[in-house]
Protein backbone atom coordinates (compact mmCIF):
# COMPACT_ATOMS: atom_id res chain seq x y z
CA MET A 1 -39.08 205.31 3.09
CA ASP A 2 -40.44 204.97 6.60
CA THR A 3 -40.44 201.91 8.85
CA GLU A 4 -43.77 201.47 10.53
CA ILE A 5 -43.45 200.12 14.08
CA GLU A 6 -46.78 199.37 15.69
CA ILE A 7 -48.60 197.20 18.18
CA LYS A 8 -52.01 196.03 17.06
CA PHE A 9 -54.86 194.96 19.32
CA LEU A 10 -58.17 193.42 18.34
CA VAL A 11 -61.00 194.74 20.49
CA SER A 12 -63.73 192.45 21.83
CA ARG A 13 -66.03 195.19 23.15
CA ASP A 14 -66.79 198.86 22.56
CA ILE A 15 -64.18 201.00 24.31
CA THR A 16 -65.00 204.27 22.54
CA ASP A 17 -66.36 205.85 25.71
CA SER A 18 -63.81 204.47 28.21
CA LEU A 19 -60.66 205.17 26.19
CA PRO A 20 -60.70 209.01 26.47
CA GLU A 21 -60.94 208.77 30.25
CA LEU A 22 -58.03 206.34 30.38
CA LEU A 23 -55.87 208.66 28.23
CA GLN A 24 -56.44 211.70 30.46
CA SER A 25 -53.31 210.81 32.44
CA TYR A 26 -51.17 211.27 29.28
CA GLN A 27 -50.10 214.43 27.49
CA ILE A 28 -52.33 214.61 24.40
CA LEU A 29 -50.67 216.58 21.61
CA GLN A 30 -53.49 216.11 19.13
CA HIS A 31 -56.89 214.44 18.93
CA ASP A 32 -59.10 214.06 15.89
CA GLN A 33 -61.49 211.79 14.06
CA GLN A 34 -61.12 210.74 10.44
CA HIS A 35 -62.98 208.63 7.91
CA LEU A 36 -60.55 206.41 5.99
CA ALA A 37 -61.51 204.58 2.81
CA ASN A 38 -58.85 202.20 1.46
CA THR A 39 -58.73 200.16 -1.71
CA TYR A 40 -56.16 197.38 -2.04
CA PHE A 41 -54.70 196.41 -5.42
CA ASP A 42 -52.85 193.46 -6.89
CA THR A 43 -52.67 191.54 -10.14
CA ALA A 44 -54.94 188.59 -10.94
CA ASP A 45 -52.08 186.19 -10.14
CA LEU A 46 -51.21 188.12 -6.91
CA ALA A 47 -47.75 189.20 -8.09
CA LEU A 48 -47.41 191.78 -5.30
CA ARG A 49 -48.43 189.30 -2.62
CA ARG A 50 -45.77 186.88 -3.90
CA MET A 51 -43.26 189.70 -3.38
CA LYS A 52 -44.65 190.05 0.17
CA ALA A 53 -45.79 193.56 -0.70
CA GLY A 54 -49.15 195.26 -0.21
CA LEU A 55 -50.47 198.20 -2.26
CA ARG A 56 -53.34 200.45 -1.28
CA ILE A 57 -54.85 203.84 -2.07
CA ARG A 58 -56.19 205.71 0.93
CA SER A 59 -58.74 208.50 0.79
CA ARG A 60 -58.56 210.82 3.80
CA ASN A 61 -60.35 214.14 4.04
CA GLY A 62 -60.53 214.42 0.25
CA ARG A 63 -56.83 213.67 -0.27
CA LEU A 64 -55.47 210.55 -1.93
CA GLU A 65 -52.28 208.69 -1.04
CA GLN A 66 -50.85 205.44 -2.36
CA THR A 67 -48.81 203.27 -0.02
CA ILE A 68 -46.79 200.15 -0.58
CA LYS A 69 -45.75 198.09 2.44
CA LEU A 70 -42.91 195.61 2.06
CA ALA A 71 -41.98 192.44 3.90
CA GLY A 72 -41.02 193.17 7.46
CA SER A 73 -41.17 191.30 10.73
CA GLN A 74 -43.90 190.42 13.16
CA VAL A 75 -43.50 189.12 16.71
CA GLY A 76 -46.56 188.71 18.89
CA GLY A 77 -48.57 191.84 18.15
CA LEU A 78 -45.56 194.01 17.18
CA HIS A 79 -45.37 194.74 13.45
CA GLN A 80 -42.39 196.35 11.67
CA ARG A 81 -42.67 196.99 7.94
CA PRO A 82 -40.96 199.40 5.53
CA GLU A 83 -43.49 201.55 3.69
CA TYR A 84 -43.48 204.15 0.92
CA ASN A 85 -46.18 206.84 0.72
CA VAL A 86 -46.86 209.01 -2.35
CA ALA A 87 -49.61 211.63 -2.85
CA LEU A 88 -51.97 211.05 -5.81
CA GLU A 89 -54.32 213.25 -7.81
CA VAL A 90 -56.58 210.45 -9.10
CA HIS A 91 -57.77 207.16 -7.63
CA ASN A 92 -55.49 204.98 -9.75
CA PRO A 93 -52.21 203.47 -8.51
CA ASP A 94 -49.04 204.61 -10.26
CA LEU A 95 -46.12 202.26 -9.56
CA SER A 96 -43.67 204.50 -11.43
CA ARG A 97 -43.88 207.02 -8.59
CA PHE A 98 -42.28 204.58 -6.13
CA PRO A 99 -38.46 204.32 -6.01
CA ALA A 100 -37.15 201.76 -8.51
CA ARG A 101 -34.89 200.22 -5.84
CA LEU A 102 -37.79 198.70 -3.92
CA TRP A 103 -38.60 196.22 -6.71
CA PRO A 104 -36.82 192.85 -7.02
CA ALA A 105 -34.26 192.66 -9.84
CA GLY A 106 -35.88 191.91 -13.19
CA THR A 107 -39.36 193.15 -12.23
CA ASP A 108 -41.32 194.38 -15.26
CA ILE A 109 -42.96 197.45 -13.73
CA ASP A 110 -45.02 198.28 -16.82
CA SER A 111 -46.48 194.78 -16.98
CA LEU A 112 -47.16 194.86 -13.24
CA GLN A 113 -48.88 198.25 -13.59
CA GLN A 114 -51.13 197.07 -16.41
CA GLY A 115 -52.25 194.03 -14.43
CA LEU A 116 -53.32 195.91 -11.29
CA GLN A 117 -56.94 195.62 -10.24
CA PRO A 118 -58.90 196.42 -7.06
CA LEU A 119 -59.38 193.37 -4.81
CA PHE A 120 -61.06 194.56 -1.62
CA CYS A 121 -61.66 197.63 0.50
CA THR A 122 -61.51 198.68 4.12
CA ASP A 123 -63.76 201.44 5.34
CA PHE A 124 -63.54 202.70 8.90
CA VAL A 125 -63.68 205.65 11.25
CA ARG A 126 -60.44 206.35 13.08
CA HIS A 127 -60.37 208.08 16.45
CA ARG A 128 -56.78 209.26 16.74
CA TRP A 129 -54.73 210.55 19.66
CA LEU A 130 -51.12 211.73 19.42
CA LEU A 131 -49.55 211.14 22.84
CA ALA A 132 -46.28 212.22 24.42
CA LEU A 133 -44.61 209.64 26.68
CA ASP A 134 -41.30 210.92 28.06
CA ASP A 135 -39.12 211.40 24.95
CA ALA A 136 -41.42 209.43 22.65
CA GLU A 137 -44.51 210.23 20.62
CA ILE A 138 -47.13 207.57 19.93
CA GLU A 139 -50.15 207.67 17.68
CA LEU A 140 -53.03 205.71 19.19
CA ALA A 141 -55.80 204.89 16.72
CA LEU A 142 -59.14 203.24 17.44
CA ASP A 143 -60.60 201.92 14.17
CA SER A 144 -64.25 200.91 13.75
CA GLY A 145 -65.66 199.81 10.39
CA GLU A 146 -65.47 196.84 8.05
CA VAL A 147 -63.48 194.94 5.45
CA GLN A 148 -65.40 194.52 2.19
CA ALA A 149 -64.77 192.02 -0.59
CA GLY A 150 -67.65 191.91 -3.06
CA GLU A 151 -70.75 191.02 -1.07
CA ARG A 152 -68.72 189.79 1.90
CA ARG A 153 -68.26 191.91 5.00
CA GLU A 154 -66.23 191.52 8.17
CA PRO A 155 -66.14 194.01 11.07
CA ILE A 156 -63.07 195.99 12.02
CA ARG A 157 -62.55 196.75 15.71
CA GLU A 158 -58.86 197.47 16.24
CA LEU A 159 -56.64 199.56 18.45
CA GLU A 160 -53.25 200.43 16.97
CA LEU A 161 -50.27 202.01 18.69
CA GLU A 162 -47.71 203.38 16.23
CA LEU A 163 -44.35 204.81 17.20
CA VAL A 164 -43.97 208.28 15.70
CA ARG A 165 -40.73 209.18 17.46
CA GLY A 166 -38.52 207.76 20.22
CA ASP A 167 -37.86 204.35 21.75
CA ALA A 168 -40.26 201.48 21.04
CA SER A 169 -40.31 200.64 24.76
CA ALA A 170 -42.78 203.50 25.15
CA LEU A 171 -45.15 201.52 22.90
CA PHE A 172 -45.01 198.59 25.28
CA GLU A 173 -45.45 200.82 28.32
CA LEU A 174 -48.68 202.23 26.91
CA ALA A 175 -49.79 198.82 25.63
CA GLU A 176 -49.42 197.29 29.09
CA THR A 177 -51.64 199.99 30.58
CA LEU A 178 -54.29 199.31 27.95
CA VAL A 179 -54.14 195.52 28.34
CA LYS A 180 -54.93 195.80 32.03
CA GLN A 181 -58.38 197.08 31.14
CA GLY A 182 -59.30 193.76 29.48
CA GLY A 183 -61.13 193.19 26.20
CA LEU A 184 -57.96 193.44 24.07
CA ARG A 185 -56.03 190.75 22.22
CA LEU A 186 -52.72 191.20 20.43
CA GLY A 187 -53.39 190.91 16.71
CA ALA A 188 -51.05 188.97 14.44
CA VAL A 189 -53.12 189.51 11.26
CA SER A 190 -53.27 192.85 9.41
CA LYS A 191 -56.32 194.39 7.74
CA ALA A 192 -54.78 193.53 4.36
CA GLN A 193 -54.36 189.87 5.32
CA ARG A 194 -57.98 189.76 6.44
CA GLY A 195 -59.02 191.32 3.14
CA TYR A 196 -57.15 188.74 1.06
CA ARG A 197 -58.83 185.96 3.05
CA LEU A 198 -62.27 187.52 2.76
CA ALA A 199 -61.80 187.85 -1.01
CA GLY A 200 -60.87 184.16 -1.19
CA LEU A 201 -57.36 185.01 -2.37
CA SER A 202 -55.58 183.71 0.69
CA PRO A 203 -56.38 180.49 2.57
CA MET A 204 -58.03 180.51 5.95
CA PRO A 205 -55.83 179.33 8.84
CA ARG A 206 -55.23 175.59 8.83
CA LEU A 207 -54.28 173.26 11.64
CA ARG A 208 -50.60 172.41 11.65
CA ALA A 209 -48.40 170.32 13.89
CA LEU A 210 -45.22 171.66 15.43
CA GLU A 211 -42.31 171.27 13.05
CA PRO A 212 -38.57 171.41 13.85
CA VAL A 213 -36.66 174.65 13.32
CA ALA A 214 -33.82 174.41 10.78
CA LEU A 215 -30.99 174.84 13.29
CA GLU A 216 -27.33 174.45 12.32
CA PRO A 217 -24.83 172.75 14.69
CA GLY A 218 -22.45 175.71 14.60
CA GLU A 219 -24.98 178.46 15.31
CA SER A 220 -25.01 180.02 18.75
CA CYS A 221 -27.29 179.05 21.60
CA GLU A 222 -28.65 182.59 21.51
CA GLN A 223 -29.71 182.41 17.87
CA ALA A 224 -31.20 178.96 18.40
CA MET A 225 -33.21 180.23 21.36
CA ILE A 226 -34.53 183.17 19.33
CA SER A 227 -35.51 180.91 16.42
CA LEU A 228 -37.28 178.45 18.70
CA LEU A 229 -39.18 181.18 20.54
CA HIS A 230 -40.31 182.73 17.26
CA LEU A 231 -41.57 179.33 16.15
CA ALA A 232 -43.40 178.72 19.42
CA LEU A 233 -45.06 182.14 19.58
CA SER A 234 -46.04 181.97 15.89
CA HIS A 235 -47.57 178.50 16.39
CA TRP A 236 -49.43 179.74 19.46
CA GLN A 237 -50.89 182.80 17.74
CA HIS A 238 -51.66 181.01 14.46
CA HIS A 239 -53.93 178.59 16.30
CA GLU A 240 -55.41 181.35 18.43
CA GLU A 241 -56.49 183.07 15.20
CA GLY A 242 -57.73 179.75 13.85
CA TRP A 243 -59.91 179.08 16.89
CA LEU A 244 -61.44 182.55 16.71
CA ALA A 245 -62.18 182.04 12.99
CA GLY A 246 -63.84 178.66 13.60
CA PRO A 247 -63.86 177.35 17.18
CA GLY A 248 -62.81 173.74 17.70
CA THR A 249 -60.88 171.76 20.27
CA ASP A 250 -58.07 170.85 17.85
CA TRP A 251 -57.14 174.54 17.48
CA LEU A 252 -56.82 174.91 21.24
CA VAL A 253 -54.74 171.74 21.53
CA GLN A 254 -52.20 173.21 19.10
CA LEU A 255 -52.37 176.60 20.83
CA ARG A 256 -51.44 174.80 24.06
CA GLU A 257 -48.57 173.08 22.22
CA GLY A 258 -47.16 176.52 21.37
CA VAL A 259 -47.55 177.66 24.99
CA SER A 260 -45.86 174.49 26.25
CA LEU A 261 -42.99 174.98 23.82
CA VAL A 262 -42.41 178.57 25.02
CA HIS A 263 -42.32 177.24 28.58
CA GLN A 264 -39.90 174.44 27.63
CA ILE A 265 -37.55 176.84 25.79
CA LEU A 266 -37.35 179.24 28.74
CA LEU A 267 -36.48 176.31 31.03
CA MET A 268 -33.87 174.91 28.61
CA PHE A 269 -32.03 178.20 28.12
CA GLY A 270 -32.68 179.62 31.61
CA GLU A 271 -29.10 179.30 32.88
CA ARG A 272 -27.75 181.12 29.85
CA VAL A 273 -29.84 184.27 29.98
CA SER A 274 -30.19 187.24 32.29
CA HIS A 275 -32.09 186.82 35.53
CA ARG A 276 -34.36 189.51 34.12
CA VAL A 277 -36.24 186.65 32.51
CA ASN A 278 -39.44 187.37 34.36
CA SER A 279 -40.19 184.50 36.73
CA GLY A 280 -43.77 185.72 36.56
CA TRP A 281 -43.88 184.43 32.98
CA ILE A 282 -43.31 180.90 34.20
CA ASP A 283 -46.21 181.36 36.61
CA ASP A 284 -48.38 182.79 33.83
CA LEU A 285 -47.42 180.01 31.40
CA LEU A 286 -48.30 177.40 34.01
CA TRP A 287 -51.55 179.25 34.70
CA LEU A 288 -52.46 179.27 31.01
CA GLN A 289 -51.66 175.58 30.59
CA GLN A 290 -53.82 174.89 33.65
CA GLN A 291 -56.66 176.90 32.10
CA LEU A 292 -56.44 174.56 29.10
CA SER A 293 -55.86 171.33 31.03
CA TRP A 294 -59.42 170.16 30.27
CA LEU A 295 -58.49 169.75 26.60
CA ASP A 296 -57.26 166.18 27.11
CA ARG A 297 -60.65 165.27 28.53
CA ALA A 298 -62.42 167.07 25.69
CA GLN A 299 -60.43 165.08 23.11
CA MET A 300 -61.27 161.83 24.86
CA LEU A 301 -64.98 162.61 24.94
CA ALA A 302 -64.95 163.74 21.30
CA HIS A 303 -63.33 160.49 20.21
CA LEU A 304 -65.68 158.33 22.27
CA THR A 305 -68.78 160.04 20.87
CA ALA A 306 -67.58 160.45 17.25
CA ASP A 307 -69.70 158.91 14.50
CA ARG A 308 -72.53 158.27 16.97
CA GLY A 309 -70.29 156.36 19.30
CA HIS A 310 -68.66 154.07 16.74
CA TYR A 311 -65.87 153.27 19.25
CA LEU A 312 -68.52 151.81 21.60
CA ARG A 313 -70.50 149.99 18.91
CA ARG A 314 -69.98 146.49 20.37
CA LEU A 315 -71.55 147.40 23.71
CA ASP A 316 -75.24 146.84 24.41
CA CYS A 317 -75.09 149.78 26.81
CA GLN A 318 -73.84 152.11 24.03
CA LYS A 319 -76.88 154.43 24.20
CA ALA A 320 -76.66 154.80 27.96
CA LEU A 321 -72.94 155.58 27.71
CA LEU A 322 -73.45 158.18 25.00
CA ARG A 323 -76.10 159.85 27.14
CA GLU A 324 -73.69 160.10 30.08
CA LEU A 325 -70.78 161.21 27.90
CA ALA A 326 -72.91 163.98 26.38
CA GLN A 327 -73.56 165.29 29.89
CA LEU A 328 -69.82 165.35 30.56
CA GLN A 329 -69.27 167.30 27.33
CA GLU A 330 -71.83 169.89 28.39
CA ARG A 331 -69.76 170.65 31.49
CA LEU A 332 -66.67 171.59 29.48
CA PRO A 333 -65.85 175.32 29.11
CA GLY A 334 -67.94 176.98 26.39
CA GLU A 335 -66.93 179.37 23.64
CA GLN A 336 -67.80 182.45 25.71
CA ALA A 337 -65.49 181.41 28.56
CA LEU A 338 -62.65 180.77 26.12
CA HIS A 339 -63.27 184.05 24.32
CA GLU A 340 -63.00 185.85 27.65
CA LEU A 341 -59.77 183.99 28.46
CA LEU A 342 -58.13 185.08 25.18
CA HIS A 343 -59.12 188.70 25.87
CA SER A 344 -58.28 188.67 29.59
CA PRO A 345 -55.69 191.04 31.09
CA ARG A 346 -53.43 188.21 32.27
CA TYR A 347 -53.39 186.50 28.90
CA GLY A 348 -52.72 189.77 27.06
CA ARG A 349 -50.00 190.79 29.50
CA LEU A 350 -48.23 187.44 29.01
CA VAL A 351 -48.12 187.66 25.20
CA LEU A 352 -47.16 191.35 25.36
CA GLY A 353 -44.34 190.64 27.83
CA LEU A 354 -42.89 187.89 25.67
CA THR A 355 -43.12 190.12 22.60
CA HIS A 356 -41.31 192.96 24.38
CA TRP A 357 -38.61 190.63 25.67
CA LEU A 358 -37.95 189.24 22.20
CA TYR A 359 -37.96 192.69 20.59
CA ARG A 360 -35.50 194.24 23.05
CA GLN A 361 -33.46 191.06 23.53
CA ASP A 362 -33.56 191.72 27.25
CA TRP A 363 -31.89 188.39 28.05
CA ARG A 364 -28.55 190.15 27.50
CA ALA A 365 -29.12 192.70 30.28
CA GLY A 366 -26.58 192.27 33.09
CA LEU A 367 -25.00 189.08 31.72
CA GLY A 368 -21.65 188.10 33.17
CA ARG A 369 -18.80 186.84 31.00
CA GLU A 370 -19.61 183.20 31.77
CA GLN A 371 -23.23 183.60 30.66
CA GLN A 372 -22.15 185.51 27.54
CA ALA A 373 -19.81 182.68 26.62
CA LEU A 374 -22.57 180.11 27.17
CA LEU A 375 -24.93 182.06 24.90
CA ALA A 376 -22.28 182.30 22.19
CA ALA A 377 -21.39 178.60 22.39
CA PRO A 378 -22.52 176.24 19.59
CA VAL A 379 -26.05 174.98 20.13
CA ALA A 380 -24.97 171.41 19.30
CA ASP A 381 -23.17 171.16 22.65
CA LEU A 382 -26.22 172.34 24.58
CA ALA A 383 -28.47 170.01 22.58
CA ARG A 384 -26.45 166.95 23.56
CA GLU A 385 -26.46 168.03 27.20
CA LEU A 386 -30.23 168.63 27.30
CA LEU A 387 -31.08 165.46 25.38
CA GLU A 388 -28.88 163.38 27.66
CA ASP A 389 -30.39 164.93 30.77
CA SER A 390 -33.92 164.41 29.43
CA TRP A 391 -33.14 160.77 28.58
CA HIS A 392 -31.65 160.19 32.05
CA THR A 393 -34.80 161.64 33.66
CA LEU A 394 -37.02 159.44 31.52
CA ARG A 395 -35.08 156.24 32.24
CA HIS A 396 -35.16 156.93 35.98
CA SER A 397 -38.88 157.64 35.99
CA ALA A 398 -41.59 155.00 36.23
CA LEU A 399 -41.11 154.45 32.48
CA GLY A 400 -37.79 152.80 33.31
CA GLU A 401 -39.33 150.35 35.80
CA ALA A 402 -39.70 146.62 35.21
CA ARG A 403 -43.47 146.79 34.73
CA LEU A 404 -46.17 149.46 34.93
CA ASP A 405 -49.90 149.34 35.48
CA GLY A 406 -52.41 151.55 33.65
CA GLU A 407 -52.45 154.34 36.23
CA GLN A 408 -48.64 154.53 36.30
CA TYR A 409 -48.53 154.89 32.52
CA ILE A 410 -51.11 157.68 32.56
CA GLN A 411 -49.15 159.54 35.24
CA GLN A 412 -46.10 159.61 32.93
CA LYS A 413 -47.95 161.23 30.02
CA GLY A 414 -46.83 164.80 30.79
CA LYS A 415 -43.22 163.77 31.40
CA LEU A 416 -43.05 161.88 28.10
CA ARG A 417 -44.57 164.83 26.22
CA ARG A 418 -41.89 167.16 27.63
CA ASN A 419 -39.15 164.69 26.75
CA LEU A 420 -40.36 164.44 23.17
CA MET A 421 -40.61 168.23 22.91
CA VAL A 422 -36.93 168.59 23.88
CA GLY A 423 -36.12 166.16 21.09
CA LEU A 424 -38.27 168.10 18.62
CA CYS A 425 -36.44 171.35 19.40
CA PHE A 426 -33.08 169.94 18.34
CA SER A 427 -34.06 167.26 15.84
CA ALA A 428 -32.80 169.27 12.83
CA LEU A 429 -29.25 168.90 14.17
CA TYR A 430 -29.18 165.12 13.59
CA PRO A 431 -29.55 162.74 10.61
CA ASP A 432 -33.08 161.49 10.09
CA ALA A 433 -32.24 157.79 10.13
CA GLY A 434 -31.14 157.47 13.74
CA LEU A 435 -33.47 160.19 15.00
CA VAL A 436 -36.68 158.77 13.51
CA GLY A 437 -35.83 155.25 14.60
CA PHE A 438 -35.40 156.45 18.17
CA ARG A 439 -38.35 158.83 18.41
CA MET A 440 -41.06 156.82 16.66
CA PRO A 441 -41.35 154.10 19.35
CA TRP A 442 -41.69 156.74 22.05
CA LEU A 443 -44.31 158.61 20.01
CA ASP A 444 -46.17 155.30 19.69
CA ILE A 445 -45.94 154.85 23.46
CA LEU A 446 -47.39 158.33 23.99
CA ARG A 447 -50.28 157.53 21.66
CA GLY A 448 -50.80 154.26 23.54
CA ILE A 449 -50.92 156.10 26.86
CA GLU A 450 -53.45 158.53 25.40
CA ASP A 451 -55.57 155.57 24.21
CA LEU A 452 -55.36 154.10 27.70
CA ASP A 453 -56.33 157.41 29.29
CA MET A 454 -59.30 157.65 26.91
CA LEU A 455 -60.94 154.83 28.86
CA SER A 456 -60.97 156.99 32.03
CA PRO A 457 -64.27 158.84 31.34
CA LEU A 458 -65.99 155.47 30.80
CA ALA A 459 -64.69 154.14 34.09
CA ASP A 460 -65.89 157.33 35.83
CA ILE A 461 -69.49 156.95 34.64
CA GLY A 462 -69.77 153.22 35.19
CA ASP A 463 -71.43 153.66 38.61
CA ARG A 464 -74.31 155.55 37.00
CA LEU A 465 -75.33 152.59 34.80
CA GLU A 466 -77.74 149.77 35.54
CA PRO A 467 -76.09 146.68 37.16
CA GLU A 468 -76.08 144.60 33.95
CA GLU A 469 -74.73 147.51 31.91
CA ARG A 470 -72.10 148.21 34.54
CA GLU A 471 -70.90 144.60 34.45
CA GLU A 472 -70.74 144.61 30.65
CA LEU A 473 -68.75 147.86 30.63
CA ALA A 474 -66.34 146.63 33.33
CA GLN A 475 -65.51 143.49 31.35
CA TRP A 476 -65.07 145.45 28.11
CA LEU A 477 -62.79 148.00 29.84
CA ALA A 478 -60.68 145.23 31.37
CA ARG A 479 -60.15 143.62 27.96
CA LYS A 480 -59.30 146.96 26.34
CA GLN A 481 -56.87 147.90 29.11
CA ASP A 482 -55.14 144.50 29.07
CA PHE A 483 -54.66 144.73 25.31
CA LEU A 484 -53.26 148.28 25.50
CA LEU A 485 -50.99 147.48 28.44
CA GLU A 486 -49.52 144.47 26.67
CA ALA A 487 -48.77 146.55 23.57
CA LEU A 488 -47.31 149.36 25.70
CA GLU A 489 -45.08 146.99 27.64
CA GLN A 490 -43.65 145.48 24.47
CA SER A 491 -43.03 148.89 22.89
CA ARG A 492 -41.49 150.35 26.05
CA LEU A 493 -39.07 147.48 26.64
CA GLN A 494 -37.91 147.71 23.03
CA ALA A 495 -37.60 151.51 23.18
CA LEU A 496 -35.46 151.38 26.32
CA GLN A 497 -32.90 149.25 24.45
CA LEU A 498 -32.40 151.79 21.65
CA GLU A 499 -29.12 153.65 21.36
CA PRO A 500 -29.67 157.43 21.65
CA TYR A 501 -29.00 159.17 18.34
CA TRP A 502 -27.17 162.17 19.85
CA ARG A 503 -24.27 160.18 21.34
């Protein structure tokens, strides 16, 4: 058995000509080109997939090899999976030639063998370089071809870095050099996963909201931090893949949620980890959130114009408003700009750096005894401290004042989002009854603030309307705002009286 350790990039442009020049500064032990034809097998009821295993037969230079890859781990674009490789004489899988120990107890190998059938294929040309980096050897492979499932086709343009020998840090060193060139994006989805989706045997990515991690009160702060970061990075990359499969604002909103959660986690655990936590990450996370700051406006405009402006149906000036709102939508970043952002050097370097940090657990480097003790302490103690601090900050913000106007509410939107995210991180540590009763009013207040903010684009375009239309809109906005403010004031005053569930 071998354990495959690789970093996978998806390539947005042809780098076949530029890559050899870039690699000239490395010691090249071997360079060749191969045509690889792969057929993937499973049963009709996907028994292997349920075992989190993948079976393929690969044809390379006239030789056949069957490979089974088992469940492993994946962080960012780093994939680690145990695999077994066996030479074959004919193009038919033979499960009996794999070690019996790899199968779950009670597996009927004969029945599994009889049910195997080909599901999809991958066919690609691989340009391969074997590189020496210090004491490590890395195989760099540029794959160009397609995934095929019946009549369906999907292109393959991937760059894979696989560790042959040595420390995995060499993988990241080479990956960082490549990312600087642009046009690369860390890939969280394998060729096999793409094949299952293309064959209709695995669902396409679906939107999902952030869910709490199943933390236990007695587990360490370190383990809780790791679990939360894995959740955040997975959420981020899941919605990145979803947007690329079918662009839409909702995907980007959830991508930003994952980015915001990574940022929040690093701030929450910052005092407990090594100062080698790259402060540049905070800058890059803030930069990325700024790059996506227009999403709130995009959501507002989408809601206002949905169903031919149903929200504005009672206004005589509805058509004029929709015309102006459409012009605002046209000024939002387009798909090409977003595609370039997701393949930009800074974006790639950020995801790669976080992946490397998680893989090596670099937060332990140079820790003093006090920090080590804080990391080993039960997470429940830290949760109470952070929740109390967050609650104190919220109560002493404008949200704790006697009365707020519309602009003051809107200015507190970001602060309330961060407060609720702290609560989400640790919500699994507390009984649902008290937690839900405390959080729901504040979630309602956030939704109310978002509804209030949704009126902002209408106020901005009012000056471009005819006098009569402007007057009608102004009166309508005033009524809407008064109604929302009254509801917000009632909800906020009630929420401030609630007893925090963590005390």
